[in-house]
Amino acid sequence: ERFGAELVADDIVEVDLTSDPKVLKTATDTYTARSVVLAMGSGYRKLGLPNEEALSGRGVSWCATCDGFFFKEQHIAVVGGGDSAIEEANFLSKFAETVTIVHRREELRASKIMQDRARANPKIRFLWNTVVREVVGADGKVAGLDVEDVRSGERSRLEVTGLFVAIGHQPNTDL
């Protein structure tokens, strides 16, 4: 702003990047510019399960540092196997009674040092070769997870009150 930039907090609904100058439209205004920088950010990648959105903020989260303290002395799960998932699990173990890492493979993709920390943590357990098939809700909050062993197809219930999804980010590039 101190160099003369005008900041507009609005959503762009239409662009023409082929014209000169370029044209950007909101619901109410039209802007022109010689250059446009598309900085759309990213969002958390989701599992795509039916109850995932409905139970967001009611036991389903994508941010351990934001929501971890709500799960004191509870059993929670983290889905993922990379550095982010393992870091989330280690952080959550400060609050939770147990943290179960649900991973679809037999080994983690996280760095060795992160894996060693998680394996040395007595509050962290691993559920290998497993995917979440359903987030089970009761009384408007997470009451468990229906999980499936990817090798045998056997389904079971994981009794948790929280689910942290740590499977990466999706760029917000859908124009």
N, C-alpha and C. Protein backbone atom coordinates (compact mmCIF):
# COMPACT_ATOMS: atom_id res chain seq x y z
N GLU A 1 0.81 -1.19 0.00
CA GLU A 1 0.00 0.00 0.00
C GLU A 1 0.86 1.26 0.00
N ARG A 2 1.98 1.21 0.69
CA ARG A 2 2.81 2.42 0.75
C ARG A 2 3.41 2.77 -0.61
N PHE A 3 3.39 1.82 -1.56
CA PHE A 3 3.87 2.10 -2.91
C PHE A 3 2.72 2.34 -3.88
N GLY A 4 1.50 2.46 -3.34
CA GLY A 4 0.37 2.81 -4.18
C GLY A 4 -0.53 1.68 -4.59
N ALA A 5 -0.28 0.48 -4.10
CA ALA A 5 -1.15 -0.64 -4.45
C ALA A 5 -2.49 -0.50 -3.73
N GLU A 6 -3.54 -0.84 -4.44
CA GLU A 6 -4.87 -0.82 -3.85
C GLU A 6 -5.24 -2.27 -3.49
N LEU A 7 -5.59 -2.52 -2.24
CA LEU A 7 -5.98 -3.85 -1.82
C LEU A 7 -7.50 -3.94 -1.82
N VAL A 8 -8.01 -4.96 -2.51
CA VAL A 8 -9.45 -5.17 -2.61
C VAL A 8 -9.75 -6.56 -2.07
N ALA A 9 -10.55 -6.65 -1.03
CA ALA A 9 -10.93 -7.94 -0.44
C ALA A 9 -12.24 -8.39 -1.08
N ASP A 10 -12.13 -9.10 -2.19
CA ASP A 10 -13.30 -9.56 -2.91
C ASP A 10 -12.91 -10.78 -3.73
N ASP A 11 -13.89 -11.51 -4.22
CA ASP A 11 -13.64 -12.68 -5.05
C ASP A 11 -13.73 -12.30 -6.52
N ILE A 12 -12.73 -12.74 -7.28
CA ILE A 12 -12.76 -12.55 -8.73
C ILE A 12 -13.65 -13.64 -9.30
N VAL A 13 -14.62 -13.26 -10.13
CA VAL A 13 -15.56 -14.23 -10.69
C VAL A 13 -15.33 -14.47 -12.18
N GLU A 14 -14.53 -13.58 -12.81
CA GLU A 14 -14.27 -13.74 -14.23
C GLU A 14 -12.96 -13.02 -14.57
N VAL A 15 -12.15 -13.64 -15.44
CA VAL A 15 -10.91 -13.00 -15.89
C VAL A 15 -10.76 -13.14 -17.39
N ASP A 16 -10.09 -12.17 -17.98
CA ASP A 16 -9.66 -12.27 -19.38
C ASP A 16 -8.18 -11.93 -19.36
N LEU A 17 -7.34 -12.99 -19.38
CA LEU A 17 -5.90 -12.80 -19.31
C LEU A 17 -5.28 -12.70 -20.70
N THR A 18 -6.10 -12.80 -21.76
CA THR A 18 -5.57 -12.71 -23.12
C THR A 18 -5.59 -11.28 -23.62
N SER A 19 -6.40 -10.43 -23.03
CA SER A 19 -6.49 -9.05 -23.49
C SER A 19 -5.34 -8.21 -22.91
N ASP A 20 -5.17 -7.02 -23.49
CA ASP A 20 -4.16 -6.09 -22.97
C ASP A 20 -4.80 -4.72 -22.87
N PRO A 21 -5.10 -4.23 -21.70
CA PRO A 21 -4.76 -4.80 -20.39
C PRO A 21 -5.68 -5.97 -20.04
N LYS A 22 -5.23 -6.77 -19.05
CA LYS A 22 -6.02 -7.89 -18.56
C LYS A 22 -7.24 -7.36 -17.81
N VAL A 23 -8.31 -8.14 -17.83
CA VAL A 23 -9.56 -7.70 -17.21
C VAL A 23 -9.95 -8.70 -16.11
N LEU A 24 -10.26 -8.15 -14.94
CA LEU A 24 -10.69 -8.96 -13.81
C LEU A 24 -12.02 -8.42 -13.32
N LYS A 25 -12.98 -9.32 -13.08
CA LYS A 25 -14.30 -8.88 -12.65
C LYS A 25 -14.67 -9.54 -11.33
N THR A 26 -15.25 -8.73 -10.45
CA THR A 26 -15.89 -9.23 -9.25
C THR A 26 -17.39 -9.22 -9.52
N ALA A 27 -18.18 -9.52 -8.51
CA ALA A 27 -19.63 -9.49 -8.71
C ALA A 27 -20.12 -8.08 -9.00
N THR A 28 -19.37 -7.06 -8.56
CA THR A 28 -19.85 -5.68 -8.69
C THR A 28 -18.91 -4.74 -9.44
N ASP A 29 -17.64 -5.08 -9.59
CA ASP A 29 -16.68 -4.16 -10.19
C ASP A 29 -15.84 -4.85 -11.27
N THR A 30 -15.22 -4.02 -12.12
CA THR A 30 -14.30 -4.49 -13.14
C THR A 30 -12.97 -3.77 -12.95
N TYR A 31 -11.86 -4.53 -13.01
CA TYR A 31 -10.52 -3.98 -12.85
C TYR A 31 -9.70 -4.35 -14.08
N THR A 32 -8.75 -3.48 -14.43
CA THR A 32 -7.82 -3.78 -15.52
C THR A 32 -6.41 -3.67 -14.96
N ALA A 33 -5.50 -4.45 -15.57
CA ALA A 33 -4.11 -4.44 -15.11
C ALA A 33 -3.21 -4.91 -16.24
N ARG A 34 -1.98 -4.39 -16.25
CA ARG A 34 -1.00 -4.86 -17.24
C ARG A 34 -0.46 -6.23 -16.86
N SER A 35 -0.39 -6.49 -15.56
CA SER A 35 0.08 -7.80 -15.07
C SER A 35 -0.86 -8.29 -13.98
N VAL A 36 -0.99 -9.62 -13.89
CA VAL A 36 -1.82 -10.24 -12.87
C VAL A 36 -1.01 -11.36 -12.24
N VAL A 37 -0.96 -11.37 -10.92
CA VAL A 37 -0.32 -12.45 -10.18
C VAL A 37 -1.43 -13.29 -9.57
N LEU A 38 -1.46 -14.56 -9.93
CA LEU A 38 -2.46 -15.47 -9.37
C LEU A 38 -1.86 -16.11 -8.12
N ALA A 39 -2.33 -15.70 -6.97
CA ALA A 39 -1.86 -16.20 -5.67
C ALA A 39 -3.07 -16.73 -4.92
N MET A 40 -3.47 -17.93 -5.28
CA MET A 40 -4.74 -18.46 -4.79
C MET A 40 -4.59 -19.36 -3.58
N GLY A 41 -3.37 -19.65 -3.18
CA GLY A 41 -3.16 -20.45 -1.98
C GLY A 41 -3.50 -21.91 -2.17
N SER A 42 -3.72 -22.56 -1.06
CA SER A 42 -4.05 -23.98 -1.08
C SER A 42 -5.00 -24.29 0.07
N GLY A 43 -5.59 -25.45 -0.01
CA GLY A 43 -6.48 -25.92 1.05
C GLY A 43 -6.06 -27.31 1.47
N TYR A 44 -6.53 -27.72 2.61
CA TYR A 44 -6.20 -29.06 3.09
C TYR A 44 -6.83 -30.10 2.18
N ARG A 45 -6.05 -31.14 1.87
CA ARG A 45 -6.60 -32.26 1.09
C ARG A 45 -7.50 -33.06 2.02
N LYS A 46 -8.66 -33.45 1.53
CA LYS A 46 -9.64 -34.15 2.34
C LYS A 46 -9.77 -35.60 1.89
N LEU A 47 -10.34 -36.41 2.74
CA LEU A 47 -10.53 -37.82 2.43
C LEU A 47 -11.70 -38.04 1.47
N GLY A 48 -12.66 -37.10 1.47
CA GLY A 48 -13.81 -37.22 0.60
C GLY A 48 -14.89 -38.14 1.14
N LEU A 49 -14.94 -38.30 2.44
CA LEU A 49 -15.95 -39.15 3.07
C LEU A 49 -17.21 -38.35 3.38
N PRO A 50 -18.37 -38.99 3.34
CA PRO A 50 -19.63 -38.27 3.52
C PRO A 50 -19.71 -37.43 4.81
N ASN A 51 -19.33 -37.98 5.94
CA ASN A 51 -19.45 -37.26 7.21
C ASN A 51 -18.27 -36.33 7.51
N GLU A 52 -17.25 -36.35 6.66
CA GLU A 52 -16.05 -35.55 6.93
C GLU A 52 -16.38 -34.07 7.06
N GLU A 53 -17.12 -33.53 6.12
CA GLU A 53 -17.50 -32.11 6.17
C GLU A 53 -18.49 -31.84 7.28
N ALA A 54 -19.48 -32.72 7.43
CA ALA A 54 -20.51 -32.52 8.44
C ALA A 54 -19.93 -32.49 9.85
N LEU A 55 -18.85 -33.25 10.07
CA LEU A 55 -18.24 -33.31 11.41
C LEU A 55 -17.00 -32.44 11.53
N SER A 56 -16.75 -31.62 10.52
CA SER A 56 -15.64 -30.66 10.61
C SER A 56 -15.91 -29.72 11.78
N GLY A 57 -14.91 -29.57 12.65
CA GLY A 57 -15.09 -28.74 13.83
C GLY A 57 -15.82 -29.45 14.95
N ARG A 58 -16.20 -30.68 14.71
CA ARG A 58 -16.89 -31.49 15.71
C ARG A 58 -16.16 -32.81 15.91
N GLY A 59 -14.84 -32.74 15.73
CA GLY A 59 -14.01 -33.93 15.87
C GLY A 59 -13.13 -34.19 14.67
N VAL A 60 -13.50 -33.66 13.51
CA VAL A 60 -12.66 -33.78 12.31
C VAL A 60 -11.91 -32.47 12.15
N SER A 61 -10.59 -32.58 11.99
CA SER A 61 -9.76 -31.38 11.85
C SER A 61 -8.62 -31.65 10.88
N TRP A 62 -8.04 -30.58 10.40
CA TRP A 62 -6.87 -30.65 9.52
C TRP A 62 -5.70 -29.91 10.14
N CYS A 63 -5.81 -29.49 11.40
CA CYS A 63 -4.78 -28.67 12.03
C CYS A 63 -4.63 -29.03 13.50
N ALA A 64 -3.58 -29.78 13.81
CA ALA A 64 -3.35 -30.19 15.20
C ALA A 64 -3.04 -29.01 16.11
N THR A 65 -2.25 -28.05 15.64
CA THR A 65 -1.92 -26.91 16.49
C THR A 65 -3.14 -26.03 16.75
N CYS A 66 -4.09 -26.05 15.82
CA CYS A 66 -5.32 -25.26 16.01
C CYS A 66 -6.28 -25.93 16.99
N ASP A 67 -6.41 -27.25 16.90
CA ASP A 67 -7.48 -27.95 17.59
C ASP A 67 -7.04 -29.01 18.60
N GLY A 68 -5.76 -29.27 18.69
CA GLY A 68 -5.28 -30.37 19.53
C GLY A 68 -5.70 -30.29 20.98
N PHE A 69 -5.71 -29.11 21.55
CA PHE A 69 -6.03 -28.97 22.98
C PHE A 69 -7.47 -29.32 23.31
N PHE A 70 -8.35 -29.41 22.29
CA PHE A 70 -9.73 -29.82 22.53
C PHE A 70 -9.84 -31.32 22.84
N PHE A 71 -8.76 -32.06 22.66
CA PHE A 71 -8.81 -33.52 22.76
C PHE A 71 -8.00 -34.06 23.94
N LYS A 72 -7.97 -33.31 25.02
CA LYS A 72 -7.25 -33.75 26.22
C LYS A 72 -7.80 -35.08 26.70
N GLU A 73 -6.86 -36.02 26.95
CA GLU A 73 -7.17 -37.34 27.50
C GLU A 73 -8.16 -38.13 26.65
N GLN A 74 -8.18 -37.89 25.34
CA GLN A 74 -9.07 -38.63 24.45
C GLN A 74 -8.25 -39.51 23.50
N HIS A 75 -8.92 -40.42 22.86
CA HIS A 75 -8.31 -41.28 21.85
C HIS A 75 -8.59 -40.63 20.49
N ILE A 76 -7.52 -40.35 19.74
CA ILE A 76 -7.68 -39.69 18.44
C ILE A 76 -6.87 -40.42 17.38
N ALA A 77 -7.18 -40.12 16.13
CA ALA A 77 -6.49 -40.74 15.00
C ALA A 77 -5.94 -39.65 14.09
N VAL A 78 -4.82 -39.98 13.45
CA VAL A 78 -4.23 -39.14 12.43
C VAL A 78 -4.12 -39.99 11.17
N VAL A 79 -4.64 -39.49 10.05
CA VAL A 79 -4.52 -40.20 8.78
C VAL A 79 -3.37 -39.58 8.00
N GLY A 80 -2.45 -40.43 7.55
CA GLY A 80 -1.32 -39.98 6.75
C GLY A 80 -0.06 -40.72 7.14
N GLY A 81 0.98 -40.53 6.33
CA GLY A 81 2.23 -41.22 6.60
C GLY A 81 3.46 -40.39 6.30
N GLY A 82 3.27 -39.12 5.96
CA GLY A 82 4.40 -38.25 5.66
C GLY A 82 4.84 -37.47 6.89
N ASP A 83 5.80 -36.59 6.69
CA ASP A 83 6.32 -35.78 7.80
C ASP A 83 5.22 -35.00 8.51
N SER A 84 4.30 -34.43 7.75
CA SER A 84 3.23 -33.64 8.37
C SER A 84 2.38 -34.49 9.31
N ALA A 85 2.00 -35.67 8.87
CA ALA A 85 1.18 -36.55 9.70
C ALA A 85 1.91 -36.96 10.96
N ILE A 86 3.18 -37.28 10.83
CA ILE A 86 3.94 -37.72 12.00
C ILE A 86 4.17 -36.56 12.95
N GLU A 87 4.43 -35.39 12.42
CA GLU A 87 4.58 -34.20 13.26
C GLU A 87 3.28 -33.90 14.00
N GLU A 88 2.15 -34.01 13.31
CA GLU A 88 0.85 -33.79 13.94
C GLU A 88 0.64 -34.81 15.07
N ALA A 89 0.95 -36.07 14.81
CA ALA A 89 0.76 -37.12 15.82
C ALA A 89 1.61 -36.85 17.05
N ASN A 90 2.86 -36.49 16.85
CA ASN A 90 3.73 -36.19 17.99
C ASN A 90 3.20 -35.00 18.79
N PHE A 91 2.75 -33.97 18.10
CA PHE A 91 2.18 -32.81 18.79
C PHE A 91 0.93 -33.21 19.56
N LEU A 92 0.05 -33.96 18.94
CA LEU A 92 -1.21 -34.35 19.57
C LEU A 92 -1.00 -35.25 20.78
N SER A 93 0.10 -35.97 20.81
CA SER A 93 0.36 -36.86 21.94
C SER A 93 0.56 -36.09 23.25
N LYS A 94 0.80 -34.79 23.16
CA LYS A 94 0.91 -33.96 24.37
C LYS A 94 -0.43 -33.81 25.06
N PHE A 95 -1.51 -33.96 24.30
CA PHE A 95 -2.87 -33.77 24.83
C PHE A 95 -3.62 -35.08 24.98
N ALA A 96 -3.54 -35.93 23.98
CA ALA A 96 -4.37 -37.12 23.89
C ALA A 96 -3.89 -38.24 24.80
N GLU A 97 -4.82 -39.13 25.10
CA GLU A 97 -4.43 -40.35 25.82
C GLU A 97 -3.69 -41.28 24.86
N THR A 98 -4.25 -41.44 23.63
CA THR A 98 -3.57 -42.20 22.59
C THR A 98 -3.79 -41.51 21.25
N VAL A 99 -2.82 -41.72 20.37
CA VAL A 99 -2.90 -41.24 18.99
C VAL A 99 -2.62 -42.44 18.09
N THR A 100 -3.57 -42.77 17.24
CA THR A 100 -3.38 -43.87 16.30
C THR A 100 -3.15 -43.28 14.91
N ILE A 101 -2.01 -43.62 14.33
CA ILE A 101 -1.71 -43.19 12.97
C ILE A 101 -2.27 -44.26 12.02
N VAL A 102 -3.20 -43.85 11.19
CA VAL A 102 -3.82 -44.75 10.21
C VAL A 102 -3.12 -44.49 8.88
N HIS A 103 -2.47 -45.54 8.36
CA HIS A 103 -1.71 -45.37 7.11
C HIS A 103 -2.04 -46.50 6.14
N ARG A 104 -2.21 -46.14 4.89
CA ARG A 104 -2.65 -47.11 3.88
C ARG A 104 -1.55 -48.07 3.42
N ARG A 105 -0.34 -47.81 3.82
CA ARG A 105 0.77 -48.69 3.43
C ARG A 105 1.39 -49.35 4.66
N GLU A 106 2.44 -50.10 4.41
CA GLU A 106 3.14 -50.83 5.47
C GLU A 106 4.31 -50.03 6.03
N GLU A 107 4.66 -48.96 5.36
CA GLU A 107 5.77 -48.13 5.83
C GLU A 107 5.44 -46.67 5.60
N LEU A 108 6.08 -45.83 6.39
CA LEU A 108 5.82 -44.39 6.32
C LEU A 108 6.70 -43.74 5.26
N ARG A 109 6.25 -42.60 4.78
CA ARG A 109 7.07 -41.81 3.87
C ARG A 109 7.83 -40.72 4.62
N ALA A 110 7.52 -40.55 5.88
CA ALA A 110 8.17 -39.52 6.69
C ALA A 110 9.66 -39.80 6.80
N SER A 111 10.41 -38.75 7.12
CA SER A 111 11.86 -38.90 7.29
C SER A 111 12.15 -39.84 8.46
N LYS A 112 13.32 -40.43 8.44
CA LYS A 112 13.69 -41.40 9.47
C LYS A 112 13.63 -40.80 10.87
N ILE A 113 14.09 -39.58 11.03
CA ILE A 113 14.09 -38.97 12.35
C ILE A 113 12.66 -38.78 12.87
N MET A 114 11.74 -38.41 11.98
CA MET A 114 10.34 -38.26 12.38
C MET A 114 9.72 -39.62 12.73
N GLN A 115 10.05 -40.64 11.95
CA GLN A 115 9.56 -41.98 12.24
C GLN A 115 10.07 -42.47 13.59
N ASP A 116 11.36 -42.24 13.84
CA ASP A 116 11.96 -42.68 15.11
C ASP A 116 11.29 -42.01 16.30
N ARG A 117 10.99 -40.73 16.18
CA ARG A 117 10.30 -40.00 17.26
C ARG A 117 8.93 -40.60 17.54
N ALA A 118 8.20 -40.88 16.47
CA ALA A 118 6.85 -41.42 16.64
C ALA A 118 6.90 -42.82 17.24
N ARG A 119 7.82 -43.63 16.76
CA ARG A 119 7.91 -45.01 17.28
C ARG A 119 8.35 -45.03 18.74
N ALA A 120 9.11 -44.04 19.15
CA ALA A 120 9.58 -43.97 20.54
C ALA A 120 8.53 -43.37 21.48
N ASN A 121 7.48 -42.81 20.93
CA ASN A 121 6.44 -42.16 21.74
C ASN A 121 5.45 -43.23 22.23
N PRO A 122 5.33 -43.42 23.54
CA PRO A 122 4.45 -44.48 24.05
C PRO A 122 2.96 -44.22 23.81
N LYS A 123 2.58 -43.02 23.47
CA LYS A 123 1.17 -42.71 23.23
C LYS A 123 0.75 -42.94 21.77
N ILE A 124 1.73 -43.17 20.90
CA ILE A 124 1.43 -43.32 19.46
C ILE A 124 1.40 -44.79 19.08
N ARG A 125 0.31 -45.15 18.39
CA ARG A 125 0.16 -46.50 17.84
C ARG A 125 0.02 -46.38 16.32
N PHE A 126 0.23 -47.48 15.63
CA PHE A 126 0.14 -47.49 14.17
C PHE A 126 -0.89 -48.52 13.72
N LEU A 127 -1.68 -48.14 12.75
CA LEU A 127 -2.63 -49.04 12.11
C LEU A 127 -2.22 -49.09 10.64
N TRP A 128 -1.46 -50.12 10.28
CA TRP A 128 -0.85 -50.23 8.95
C TRP A 128 -1.85 -50.79 7.94
N ASN A 129 -1.58 -50.51 6.67
CA ASN A 129 -2.35 -51.06 5.55
C ASN A 129 -3.86 -50.85 5.76
N THR A 130 -4.20 -49.68 6.20
CA THR A 130 -5.58 -49.41 6.58
C THR A 130 -6.04 -48.06 6.03
N VAL A 131 -7.28 -48.01 5.60
CA VAL A 131 -7.89 -46.75 5.14
C VAL A 131 -9.18 -46.51 5.93
N VAL A 132 -9.52 -45.24 6.06
CA VAL A 132 -10.77 -44.87 6.71
C VAL A 132 -11.87 -44.93 5.66
N ARG A 133 -12.93 -45.66 5.95
CA ARG A 133 -14.06 -45.77 5.03
C ARG A 133 -15.22 -44.88 5.45
N GLU A 134 -15.31 -44.58 6.76
CA GLU A 134 -16.40 -43.73 7.23
C GLU A 134 -16.03 -43.09 8.55
N VAL A 135 -16.40 -41.82 8.69
CA VAL A 135 -16.30 -41.14 9.98
C VAL A 135 -17.67 -41.29 10.62
N VAL A 136 -17.69 -41.97 11.76
CA VAL A 136 -18.95 -42.26 12.43
C VAL A 136 -19.26 -41.13 13.41
N GLY A 137 -20.46 -40.61 13.31
CA GLY A 137 -20.89 -39.54 14.19
C GLY A 137 -21.99 -39.99 15.13
N ALA A 138 -22.02 -39.39 16.31
CA ALA A 138 -23.09 -39.60 17.27
C ALA A 138 -23.25 -38.31 18.05
N ASP A 139 -24.47 -37.86 18.21
CA ASP A 139 -24.75 -36.60 18.91
C ASP A 139 -24.00 -35.42 18.29
N GLY A 140 -23.85 -35.45 16.96
CA GLY A 140 -23.23 -34.34 16.25
C GLY A 140 -21.73 -34.24 16.37
N LYS A 141 -21.05 -35.31 16.80
CA LYS A 141 -19.59 -35.28 16.89
C LYS A 141 -19.01 -36.65 16.55
N VAL A 142 -17.70 -36.70 16.35
CA VAL A 142 -17.03 -37.94 15.98
C VAL A 142 -17.15 -38.95 17.11
N ALA A 143 -17.58 -40.17 16.76
CA ALA A 143 -17.70 -41.25 17.73
C ALA A 143 -16.84 -42.46 17.35
N GLY A 144 -16.20 -42.41 16.20
CA GLY A 144 -15.35 -43.52 15.78
C GLY A 144 -15.09 -43.47 14.29
N LEU A 145 -14.30 -44.41 13.85
CA LEU A 145 -13.97 -44.54 12.42
C LEU A 145 -14.21 -45.97 12.00
N ASP A 146 -14.87 -46.15 10.86
CA ASP A 146 -14.92 -47.46 10.24
C ASP A 146 -13.71 -47.53 9.32
N VAL A 147 -12.86 -48.52 9.56
CA VAL A 147 -11.61 -48.66 8.81
C VAL A 147 -11.59 -50.01 8.10
N GLU A 148 -10.78 -50.05 7.05
CA GLU A 148 -10.67 -51.28 6.26
C GLU A 148 -9.22 -51.62 6.02
N ASP A 149 -8.88 -52.88 6.27
CA ASP A 149 -7.55 -53.40 5.96
C ASP A 149 -7.48 -53.56 4.45
N VAL A 150 -6.54 -52.87 3.79
CA VAL A 150 -6.49 -52.87 2.32
C VAL A 150 -6.06 -54.22 1.75
N ARG A 151 -5.44 -55.06 2.56
CA ARG A 151 -5.01 -56.37 2.06
C ARG A 151 -6.12 -57.41 2.18
N SER A 152 -6.76 -57.49 3.34
CA SER A 152 -7.77 -58.52 3.57
C SER A 152 -9.18 -58.04 3.27
N GLY A 153 -9.40 -56.73 3.26
CA GLY A 153 -10.74 -56.20 3.08
C GLY A 153 -11.56 -56.21 4.35
N GLU A 154 -10.98 -56.69 5.43
CA GLU A 154 -11.68 -56.76 6.72
C GLU A 154 -11.93 -55.35 7.26
N ARG A 155 -13.17 -55.15 7.72
CA ARG A 155 -13.54 -53.85 8.27
C ARG A 155 -13.68 -53.95 9.78
N SER A 156 -13.36 -52.85 10.45
CA SER A 156 -13.48 -52.81 11.90
C SER A 156 -13.74 -51.37 12.34
N ARG A 157 -14.01 -51.19 13.60
CA ARG A 157 -14.29 -49.87 14.17
C ARG A 157 -13.10 -49.45 15.03
N LEU A 158 -12.62 -48.24 14.80
CA LEU A 158 -11.58 -47.64 15.63
C LEU A 158 -12.29 -46.62 16.52
N GLU A 159 -12.25 -46.85 17.81
CA GLU A 159 -12.95 -46.00 18.77
C GLU A 159 -12.12 -44.76 19.05
N VAL A 160 -12.46 -43.66 18.40
CA VAL A 160 -11.79 -42.38 18.60
C VAL A 160 -12.84 -41.27 18.66
N THR A 161 -12.46 -40.15 19.26
CA THR A 161 -13.35 -38.99 19.30
C THR A 161 -12.82 -37.86 18.43
N GLY A 162 -11.67 -38.08 17.81
CA GLY A 162 -11.11 -37.06 16.93
C GLY A 162 -10.38 -37.68 15.77
N LEU A 163 -10.44 -36.99 14.63
CA LEU A 163 -9.74 -37.41 13.42
C LEU A 163 -9.01 -36.21 12.85
N PHE A 164 -7.69 -36.35 12.71
CA PHE A 164 -6.87 -35.31 12.09
C PHE A 164 -6.39 -35.84 10.75
N VAL A 165 -6.75 -35.13 9.69
CA VAL A 165 -6.41 -35.55 8.33
C VAL A 165 -5.15 -34.79 7.91
N ALA A 166 -4.07 -35.54 7.67
CA ALA A 166 -2.78 -34.93 7.32
C ALA A 166 -2.23 -35.61 6.07
N ILE A 167 -2.94 -35.40 4.96
CA ILE A 167 -2.55 -36.07 3.70
C ILE A 167 -2.16 -35.06 2.63
N GLY A 168 -1.76 -33.88 3.06
CA GLY A 168 -1.25 -32.89 2.11
C GLY A 168 -2.23 -31.77 1.85
N HIS A 169 -1.83 -30.94 0.88
CA HIS A 169 -2.61 -29.76 0.50
C HIS A 169 -2.96 -29.83 -0.97
N GLN A 170 -4.06 -29.20 -1.32
CA GLN A 170 -4.52 -29.13 -2.69
C GLN A 170 -4.44 -27.67 -3.15
N PRO A 171 -3.68 -27.36 -4.20
CA PRO A 171 -3.63 -25.97 -4.67
C PRO A 171 -5.01 -25.49 -5.10
N ASN A 172 -5.33 -24.27 -4.76
CA ASN A 172 -6.62 -23.67 -5.15
C ASN A 172 -6.50 -23.08 -6.56
N THR A 173 -6.38 -23.96 -7.54
CA THR A 173 -6.18 -23.50 -8.91
C THR A 173 -7.41 -23.73 -9.78
N ASP A 174 -8.51 -24.13 -9.18
CA ASP A 174 -9.74 -24.37 -9.95
C ASP A 174 -10.41 -23.04 -10.25
N LEU A 175 -10.09 -22.49 -11.39
CA LEU A 175 -10.70 -21.22 -11.77
C LEU A 175 -12.03 -21.44 -12.43
